[in-house]
Amino acid sequence: MIDQYQNDVLDLLVTCPKGIEQLLEEELVQLGATPGKTTVAGIYVSGSLETAYRLCLWSRLANRVIVILQRASMVDTAAQLLSAVTVVPWAEHIAAGKTLAVDFHGRSEHIRHTRFGAQTVKDGVVDAMTLAGIERPQVDTRSPDVRLYAHLHRNNLTLGIDLSGESLHRRGYRLEVGHAPLKENLAAALLVRAGWQARIKDGEPLIDPLCGAGTLLIEAALMAADQAPNLNRRRFGFHGWAYHQPAVWEQLQREAQARASIGRKRCRNVLFGFDQSPAALSAAKANAMRAGIPALINFHGQGVAQLERPEGLASESGLLITNPPYGERLGELPELVGLYAALGEKAKALFPGWTLAVFTGNPDLGHRLGLRAHKQYALKNGPLDAKLLLMEIGADTAYRTSAHSADSYATSTSDDTPSQAADSSPQQASSDNAQMFANRLKKNQKRLKKWLKQSGESCYRLYDADMPEFALAIDVYADRVHVQEYMPPRSVNPAQAQKRLFDALEVLPHALEVDASRIYVKQRERQAGKSQYQKRDASGERFEVQEGPARLWVNLRDYLDTGLFLDHRPVRRLLGERAQGKRFLNLFCYTASATVHAALGGASDSVSVDMSNTYLSWAQDNFALNGLDPSRHRVIRDDCFKWLETASTQFDLIFMDPPTFSNSKKMRDTLDIQRDHPQLVRLAMARLMPEGTLVFSNNQRRFELDSTLREEFAVEDISAKTFDPDFQRRHNLHHVFLLRHRESS
């Protein structure tokens, strides 16, 4: 029976990463299989047992090779699935004492969970083997002898045995993966798309300037050495299959070993890998050693900025291929914009005549390379959409694709209104706009220089959408820069807005003389409730800054706001000046930076109220940083409305800076500052000593103080006096009022 099966033509399904089906089909033909129907991420083929073995050993692109045992239609219920499974003669395929696992994919109206589907398939196999008088197999999901494949789609069932075992992309050499690893078969697909196989024949070199764990280089070396990608793998799924023919398999292995031995000696291609991370290079070297091709790759510890053409490399053509970071989070962009731009510049300067292949999940970053892609291939890298960009490097093809027209956020500019740069090339327009932006930053620095020197402030706003083309707020925190991108209006193309942002990020490090790693980027949208306080990251990366006498913790990465509202600096200064010997209350205290100023100004004691445990903990850290006594300066977690209604303590100085709007679940009602401020103010004034002062502040741009409050209390609008030189452009950023009881005025 085994010999008969050996001579049969097998019905096979070969799966692969989505997007490379065409490449896989071409490879399967070369390996002796006969292709049939192509599906998403898979191809049906026919071939002998030897061909199936060859696919497992030699396919550089496949994930799995499945031998199909059953196709059934009208499978909807568990009973129908069970019936379709039990008709397969499993006793012929699974020997007694073997373990199994079931990989179930798909669903139907009645089979909605893959675990239930897998359980049903397992039950059918056990029933069939029990009826045949064979010992029932045990389940081993981690390392089974036989792995079954079941796929249910539109009530059509495909059932078979996975000859691969583990996915074929796991060659066995990559035990050390480094950061954001690229799967081996996807790396091989990128090399095929970039024409590496033809370049092998011509003896061309290959360089990966950001090699990481070396997957692209190792796959390229395996191709150049004619080494089967899974030659060093010790176990496949077919080893536990009852129809396995060891003699056929061992013959194929011997042939592959002989080809690899000859191929390594004959290889004329030189490969170079560069990376600035010692850990990544160490992993790459270890991976190359396990793959059996360490002598074919030269590794060097250099970043892109330091990249040089390898000594003695005179080839006029070659392949520069890499998988750089994508910047999945906005905050990662500052370094990456410069990285992509530097990669493009190095490619043009060092490798004219070569081809640059960049695989990126952020095509907009790819535009910063400054080269036109003559071919683009859409692929998936895990769950991420990505593109392989192929660019010929040469003076005639150089083009700043980051360039764009001079359209901006300015509402006065329209498609039929010629811009100042209308006669310029797109490249020149982009360059000119970015340079004007850089010049504005330097102009603002010069304007603020005298004030900064006199005040000693290290945290300040440098730029606030001064130019409509660059709708950004840029704040300096000591030696770091916080960039907030204002959400562009719907009339602005999102791609256009992002290119503007990238233009700004490209010039920022040089204009401000700051390392790109110390630039933090966020997008500022219209806020609802306390969404400005919601966590964006979990780095815990905070550092200390000095504001007047106060030392304060700020975090530029994890939240939209940083822990320190810079526009309120004069208000905090005012509180410090008025706090001597007074009892101080801080409502909606956030990180209690205002309380720190009041305490350092001589407040006898203080209470700071907020609903957030995170920010109250931050407040306590600020207190500790300034040596404040926690027994005198307390924090209370509560709804400020509720606390004011029940509190009995009186205070000499109260600061209240509520959010514009809040629908926090911790509050009993929503807060709308325009609607609710009369009640809030009256509650706060009830806690104010007869000679005391309430400092009431808010950030509602169109805020109007309720007229009845002016009748009840002595009110002084001091908003115009609470803007330092760095916030002189926007006098509606906040409103500040001093309120006192009339009988004490």
Foldseek 3Di string as FASTA:
>chain_A
DLVVLQPDKFWKKWFFFFQCQVVQVVVLVVLPWAWDDDDGRITITIGGPLSLLSCLFFPQTTFFMWGWQFKDAQAAALVSLLVRLQVGQCCLWFPAAFEEFEQEEDHHPHRDDRVVSRVSNLVSSQVNCVVVVGHGHHYDHPQTLWYKYWYADNRMITITTTFFRGTSLPLPLQPDQFPPRFGLNVLLSLCVVQVLLVVQVVLFEEEEAAQFLNSNVLSSQCSQLQAGSNLPPDDGSCNRTSSDDVVSSVVVSVVRVVSNVVSLVPGSYAYEYEHQDPSRQVNNLSSSVSSPNNVRYHYDNDHLLPDADDPPPPDLEHEHEYEDAACPDPFVPLVLLQRLLSNLVCCQVHHAQYKYKYKYLHVLSNLSSQFQFPDKGWGDRVPGIIIIGIGHHDPVGGGRSLFDDPDFLDPVDDPPDQDPCNVPDSVVSLVVVLVVVLVLLLVQCVVCVVVCVVQVFQKFWRDACPDRRQHWTWIGFRQAIAIEHEDGDPVDDPSSNVSSVSSNSNCVCVSVVHDSNRYGYYYDYDDAAVQQADWPDDPPDWDWGDQRPFIAIFDRYTGNGTQDDRLQSLVLQVLLCPQAQWEEEEECCQLVPSVRSSVVSHHQAYEYEEQDPVSPVRNVVSCVVVVHDCVRYDYDHADLLVCLVPDDAATQEYEYEDECWHPDPRDPHIDHCQVCVVVVVVSNQVRYDQQHKYKYKYQDLPHDDDVVLVVQWPKDWCLVVSGDPSPPVRSSRMTIMITHGPVND
